Amino acid sequence: METSLPEHIKAWRKRAGLSQTKAAAELGLPVRTLQFIEQGREFKSEKMLILAIEAWEHRYGS
């Protein structure tokens, strides 16, 4: 089964040891927005989220 983008974001955040609060702050988003994104309810920009994940992976080595 393929992992959806929201599932990938949540899994990555957890592997990196980031709380939703910390991850949202690094993205410049309200925590509630990140919660909605992880639930698949809201996307600010799919491209922005992918770039953020890539930057986090580089920074945190996940």
C-alpha atoms as a PDB file:
ATOM      1  CA  MET A   1       0.000   0.000   0.000  1.00  0.00           C
ATOM      2  CA  GLU A   2       1.367   3.410  -0.972  1.00  0.00           C
ATOM      3  CA  THR A   3       1.854   5.999   1.740  1.00  0.00           C
ATOM      4  CA  SER A   4      -0.042   9.246   1.253  1.00  0.00           C
ATOM      5  CA  LEU A   5       1.713  12.592   1.577  1.00  0.00           C
ATOM      6  CA  PRO A   6      -0.009  13.354   4.928  1.00  0.00           C
ATOM      7  CA  GLU A   7       1.072   9.960   6.306  1.00  0.00           C
ATOM      8  CA  HIS A   8       4.605  10.538   5.045  1.00  0.00           C
ATOM      9  CA  ILE A   9       4.788  13.960   6.686  1.00  0.00           C
ATOM     10  CA  LYS A  10       3.561  12.640  10.024  1.00  0.00           C
ATOM     11  CA  ALA A  11       5.892   9.623   9.935  1.00  0.00           C
ATOM     12  CA  TRP A  12       8.872  11.778   9.005  1.00  0.00           C
ATOM     13  CA  ARG A  13       8.121  14.280  11.774  1.00  0.00           C
ATOM     14  CA  LYS A  14       7.961  11.482  14.332  1.00  0.00           C
ATOM     15  CA  ARG A  15      11.197   9.853  13.083  1.00  0.00           C
ATOM     16  CA  ALA A  16      12.907  13.242  13.333  1.00  0.00           C
ATOM     17  CA  GLY A  17      11.704  13.542  16.932  1.00  0.00           C
ATOM     18  CA  LEU A  18       9.825  16.762  16.249  1.00  0.00           C
ATOM     19  CA  SER A  19       6.630  17.722  17.984  1.00  0.00           C
ATOM     20  CA  GLN A  20       3.874  19.217  15.882  1.00  0.00           C
ATOM     21  CA  THR A  21       4.628  22.537  17.553  1.00  0.00           C
ATOM     22  CA  LYS A  22       8.327  22.458  16.589  1.00  0.00           C
ATOM     23  CA  ALA A  23       7.666  21.210  13.053  1.00  0.00           C
ATOM     24  CA  ALA A  24       4.960  23.824  12.488  1.00  0.00           C
ATOM     25  CA  ALA A  25       7.268  26.580  13.746  1.00  0.00           C
ATOM     26  CA  GLU A  26       9.997  25.486  11.332  1.00  0.00           C
ATOM     27  CA  LEU A  27       7.489  25.566   8.470  1.00  0.00           C
ATOM     28  CA  GLY A  28       6.073  28.918   9.561  1.00  0.00           C
ATOM     29  CA  LEU A  29       2.618  27.399  10.007  1.00  0.00           C
ATOM     30  CA  PRO A  30       0.124  27.425  12.837  1.00  0.00           C
ATOM     31  CA  VAL A  31       0.107  24.095  14.695  1.00  0.00           C
ATOM     32  CA  ARG A  32      -3.540  23.572  13.752  1.00  0.00           C
ATOM     33  CA  THR A  33      -2.644  23.828  10.068  1.00  0.00           C
ATOM     34  CA  LEU A  34       0.016  21.129  10.438  1.00  0.00           C
ATOM     35  CA  GLN A  35      -2.511  18.970  12.272  1.00  0.00           C
ATOM     36  CA  PHE A  36      -4.944  19.383   9.373  1.00  0.00           C
ATOM     37  CA  ILE A  37      -2.188  18.598   6.859  1.00  0.00           C
ATOM     38  CA  GLU A  38      -1.242  15.403   8.724  1.00  0.00           C
ATOM     39  CA  GLN A  39      -4.910  14.418   8.742  1.00  0.00           C
ATOM     40  CA  GLY A  40      -5.155  15.034   4.993  1.00  0.00           C
ATOM     41  CA  ARG A  41      -7.646  17.841   5.497  1.00  0.00           C
ATOM     42  CA  GLU A  42      -5.576  20.776   4.243  1.00  0.00           C
ATOM     43  CA  PHE A  43      -2.632  21.472   1.990  1.00  0.00           C
ATOM     44  CA  LYS A  44      -1.053  24.906   1.776  1.00  0.00           C
ATOM     45  CA  SER A  45       1.112  23.823  -1.114  1.00  0.00           C
ATOM     46  CA  GLU A  46       2.120  20.258  -1.878  1.00  0.00           C
ATOM     47  CA  LYS A  47       5.362  21.513  -3.423  1.00  0.00           C
ATOM     48  CA  MET A  48       6.162  23.540  -0.277  1.00  0.00           C
ATOM     49  CA  LEU A  49       5.550  20.502   1.909  1.00  0.00           C
ATOM     50  CA  ILE A  50       7.806  18.304  -0.206  1.00  0.00           C
ATOM     51  CA  LEU A  51      10.567  20.916  -0.104  1.00  0.00           C
ATOM     52  CA  ALA A  52      10.157  21.203   3.670  1.00  0.00           C
ATOM     53  CA  ILE A  53      10.463  17.431   4.089  1.00  0.00           C
ATOM     54  CA  GLU A  54      13.615  17.401   1.975  1.00  0.00           C
ATOM     55  CA  ALA A  55      15.100  20.229   4.040  1.00  0.00           C
ATOM     56  CA  TRP A  56      14.178  18.477   7.300  1.00  0.00           C
ATOM     57  CA  GLU A  57      15.683  15.192   6.073  1.00  0.00           C
ATOM     58  CA  HIS A  58      18.908  17.008   5.273  1.00  0.00           C
ATOM     59  CA  ARG A  59      18.929  18.818   8.631  1.00  0.00           C
ATOM     60  CA  TYR A  60      17.892  15.923  10.844  1.00  0.00           C
ATOM     61  CA  GLY A  61      19.229  13.028   8.783  1.00  0.00           C
ATOM     62  CA  SER A  62      15.937  11.128   8.720  1.00  0.00           C
END
